[in-house]
Structures are given as structure tokens and as C-alpha cells.
Amino acid sequence: MGSIITSFICLLIFFSCTLKEDFNFMQMEVKGPIP
């Protein structure tokens, strides 16, 4: 049971990190590269 919860948390962190990077990339495309 514990390993399932741990793997779920790891997946959640992984997806949140990738989503945050995609969001920053979209913002950079809209605003242009930040100096």
C-alpha cells in the first residue's frame, strides 16, 4: 500500500513539474524571450 502511494506522489510531482515547464515555455513564446 505504501509503495503505491509513494509512486502516485512521484507521478504527481513529475507531472506538475512538466506542466510548469510547459506553462513557462508558452509564456516565453507569448512574451518573447526574457533578457
PDB file of N, CA and C in Angstrom:
ATOM      1  N   MET A   1       0.831  -1.201   0.000  1.00  0.00           N
ATOM      2  CA  MET A   1       0.000   0.000   0.000  1.00  0.00           C
ATOM      3  C   MET A   1       0.868   1.256   0.000  1.00  0.00           C
ATOM      4  N   GLY A   2       1.894   1.261   0.833  1.00  0.00           N
ATOM      5  CA  GLY A   2       2.746   2.444   0.905  1.00  0.00           C
ATOM      6  C   GLY A   2       3.459   2.722  -0.409  1.00  0.00           C
ATOM      7  N   SER A   3       3.891   1.639  -1.088  1.00  0.00           N
ATOM      8  CA  SER A   3       4.631   1.842  -2.337  1.00  0.00           C
ATOM      9  C   SER A   3       3.719   2.442  -3.401  1.00  0.00           C
ATOM     10  N   ILE A   4       2.444   2.069  -3.389  1.00  0.00           N
ATOM     11  CA  ILE A   4       1.504   2.628  -4.368  1.00  0.00           C
ATOM     12  C   ILE A   4       1.343   4.127  -4.131  1.00  0.00           C
ATOM     13  N   ILE A   5       1.208   4.512  -2.873  1.00  0.00           N
ATOM     14  CA  ILE A   5       1.051   5.938  -2.552  1.00  0.00           C
ATOM     15  C   ILE A   5       2.322   6.703  -2.929  1.00  0.00           C
ATOM     16  N   THR A   6       3.473   6.112  -2.645  1.00  0.00           N
ATOM     17  CA  THR A   6       4.737   6.783  -2.961  1.00  0.00           C
ATOM     18  C   THR A   6       4.884   6.987  -4.466  1.00  0.00           C
ATOM     19  N   SER A   7       4.578   5.949  -5.250  1.00  0.00           N
ATOM     20  CA  SER A   7       4.701   6.066  -6.706  1.00  0.00           C
ATOM     21  C   SER A   7       3.694   7.084  -7.240  1.00  0.00           C
ATOM     22  N   PHE A   8       2.501   7.130  -6.640  1.00  0.00           N
ATOM     23  CA  PHE A   8       1.494   8.099  -7.069  1.00  0.00           C
ATOM     24  C   PHE A   8       1.983   9.521  -6.811  1.00  0.00           C
ATOM     25  N   ILE A   9       2.592   9.751  -5.645  1.00  0.00           N
ATOM     26  CA  ILE A   9       3.118  11.083  -5.316  1.00  0.00           C
ATOM     27  C   ILE A   9       4.251  11.447  -6.277  1.00  0.00           C
ATOM     28  N   CYS A  10       5.098  10.478  -6.601  1.00  0.00           N
ATOM     29  CA  CYS A  10       6.199  10.742  -7.538  1.00  0.00           C
ATOM     30  C   CYS A  10       5.638  11.136  -8.899  1.00  0.00           C
ATOM     31  N   LEU A  11       4.612  10.419  -9.367  1.00  0.00           N
ATOM     32  CA  LEU A  11       4.000  10.755 -10.652  1.00  0.00           C
ATOM     33  C   LEU A  11       3.382  12.150 -10.593  1.00  0.00           C
ATOM     34  N   LEU A  12       2.734  12.472  -9.476  1.00  0.00           N
ATOM     35  CA  LEU A  12       2.094  13.776  -9.328  1.00  0.00           C
ATOM     36  C   LEU A  12       3.139  14.891  -9.419  1.00  0.00           C
ATOM     37  N   ILE A  13       4.268  14.712  -8.714  1.00  0.00           N
ATOM     38  CA  ILE A  13       5.339  15.713  -8.750  1.00  0.00           C
ATOM     39  C   ILE A  13       5.908  15.821 -10.164  1.00  0.00           C
ATOM     40  N   PHE A  14       6.101  14.667 -10.823  1.00  0.00           N
ATOM     41  CA  PHE A  14       6.665  14.666 -12.172  1.00  0.00           C
ATOM     42  C   PHE A  14       5.756  15.421 -13.133  1.00  0.00           C
ATOM     43  N   PHE A  15       4.440  15.131 -13.064  1.00  0.00           N
ATOM     44  CA  PHE A  15       3.511  15.788 -13.980  1.00  0.00           C
ATOM     45  C   PHE A  15       3.421  17.279 -13.678  1.00  0.00           C
ATOM     46  N   SER A  16       3.421  17.656 -12.405  1.00  0.00           N
ATOM     47  CA  SER A  16       3.325  19.076 -12.059  1.00  0.00           C
ATOM     48  C   SER A  16       4.568  19.821 -12.551  1.00  0.00           C
ATOM     49  N   CYS A  17       5.736  19.175 -12.465  1.00  0.00           N
ATOM     50  CA  CYS A  17       6.969  19.814 -12.942  1.00  0.00           C
ATOM     51  C   CYS A  17       6.904  20.003 -14.452  1.00  0.00           C
ATOM     52  N   THR A  18       6.465  18.984 -15.195  1.00  0.00           N
ATOM     53  CA  THR A  18       6.414  19.085 -16.652  1.00  0.00           C
ATOM     54  C   THR A  18       5.372  20.112 -17.068  1.00  0.00           C
ATOM     55  N   LEU A  19       4.244  20.151 -16.362  1.00  0.00           N
ATOM     56  CA  LEU A  19       3.212  21.131 -16.701  1.00  0.00           C
ATOM     57  C   LEU A  19       3.733  22.541 -16.453  1.00  0.00           C
ATOM     58  N   LYS A  20       4.479  22.732 -15.348  1.00  0.00           N
ATOM     59  CA  LYS A  20       5.013  24.056 -15.039  1.00  0.00           C
ATOM     60  C   LYS A  20       6.008  24.479 -16.119  1.00  0.00           C
ATOM     61  N   GLU A  21       6.839  23.544 -16.601  1.00  0.00           N
ATOM     62  CA  GLU A  21       7.798  23.883 -17.647  1.00  0.00           C
ATOM     63  C   GLU A  21       7.070  24.239 -18.937  1.00  0.00           C
ATOM     64  N   ASP A  22       6.005  23.485 -19.263  1.00  0.00           N
ATOM     65  CA  ASP A  22       5.241  23.789 -20.469  1.00  0.00           C
ATOM     66  C   ASP A  22       4.595  25.166 -20.354  1.00  0.00           C
ATOM     67  N   PHE A  23       4.083  25.492 -19.158  1.00  0.00           N
ATOM     68  CA  PHE A  23       3.440  26.788 -18.959  1.00  0.00           C
ATOM     69  C   PHE A  23       4.462  27.907 -19.132  1.00  0.00           C
ATOM     70  N   ASN A  24       5.650  27.749 -18.564  1.00  0.00           N
ATOM     71  CA  ASN A  24       6.699  28.764 -18.711  1.00  0.00           C
ATOM     72  C   ASN A  24       7.097  28.898 -20.174  1.00  0.00           C
ATOM     73  N   PHE A  25       7.145  27.763 -20.898  1.00  0.00           N
ATOM     74  CA  PHE A  25       7.516  27.793 -22.313  1.00  0.00           C
ATOM     75  C   PHE A  25       6.460  28.551 -23.113  1.00  0.00           C
ATOM     76  N   MET A  26       5.182  28.314 -22.805  1.00  0.00           N
ATOM     77  CA  MET A  26       4.110  29.024 -23.512  1.00  0.00           C
ATOM     78  C   MET A  26       4.186  30.516 -23.205  1.00  0.00           C
ATOM     79  N   GLN A  27       4.434  30.871 -21.951  1.00  0.00           N
ATOM     80  CA  GLN A  27       4.556  32.287 -21.595  1.00  0.00           C
ATOM     81  C   GLN A  27       5.726  32.918 -22.349  1.00  0.00           C
ATOM     82  N   MET A  28       6.829  32.182 -22.469  1.00  0.00           N
ATOM     83  CA  MET A  28       8.002  32.710 -23.154  1.00  0.00           C
ATOM     84  C   MET A  28       7.686  32.912 -24.637  1.00  0.00           C
ATOM     85  N   GLU A  29       6.905  31.997 -25.231  1.00  0.00           N
ATOM     86  CA  GLU A  29       6.545  32.155 -26.636  1.00  0.00           C
ATOM     87  C   GLU A  29       5.666  33.388 -26.832  1.00  0.00           C
ATOM     88  N   VAL A  30       4.778  33.643 -25.858  1.00  0.00           N
ATOM     89  CA  VAL A  30       3.856  34.770 -25.991  1.00  0.00           C
ATOM     90  C   VAL A  30       4.588  36.090 -25.767  1.00  0.00           C
ATOM     91  N   LYS A  31       5.354  36.171 -24.689  1.00  0.00           N
ATOM     92  CA  LYS A  31       6.003  37.431 -24.321  1.00  0.00           C
ATOM     93  C   LYS A  31       7.304  37.655 -25.090  1.00  0.00           C
ATOM     94  N   GLY A  32       7.897  36.583 -25.599  1.00  0.00           N
ATOM     95  CA  GLY A  32       9.218  36.695 -26.182  1.00  0.00           C
ATOM     96  C   GLY A  32      10.249  36.351 -25.124  1.00  0.00           C
ATOM     97  N   PRO A  33      11.458  36.012 -25.535  1.00  0.00           N
ATOM     98  CA  PRO A  33      12.498  35.599 -24.585  1.00  0.00           C
ATOM     99  C   PRO A  33      12.808  36.704 -23.591  1.00  0.00           C
ATOM    100  N   ILE A  34      12.921  36.327 -22.331  1.00  0.00           N
ATOM    101  CA  ILE A  34      13.220  37.303 -21.278  1.00  0.00           C
ATOM    102  C   ILE A  34      14.733  37.529 -21.206  1.00  0.00           C
ATOM    103  N   PRO A  35      15.188  38.775 -21.271  1.00  0.00           N
ATOM    104  CA  PRO A  35      16.637  39.044 -21.244  1.00  0.00           C
ATOM    105  C   PRO A  35      17.260  38.728 -19.898  1.00  0.00           C
TER     106      PRO A  35
END
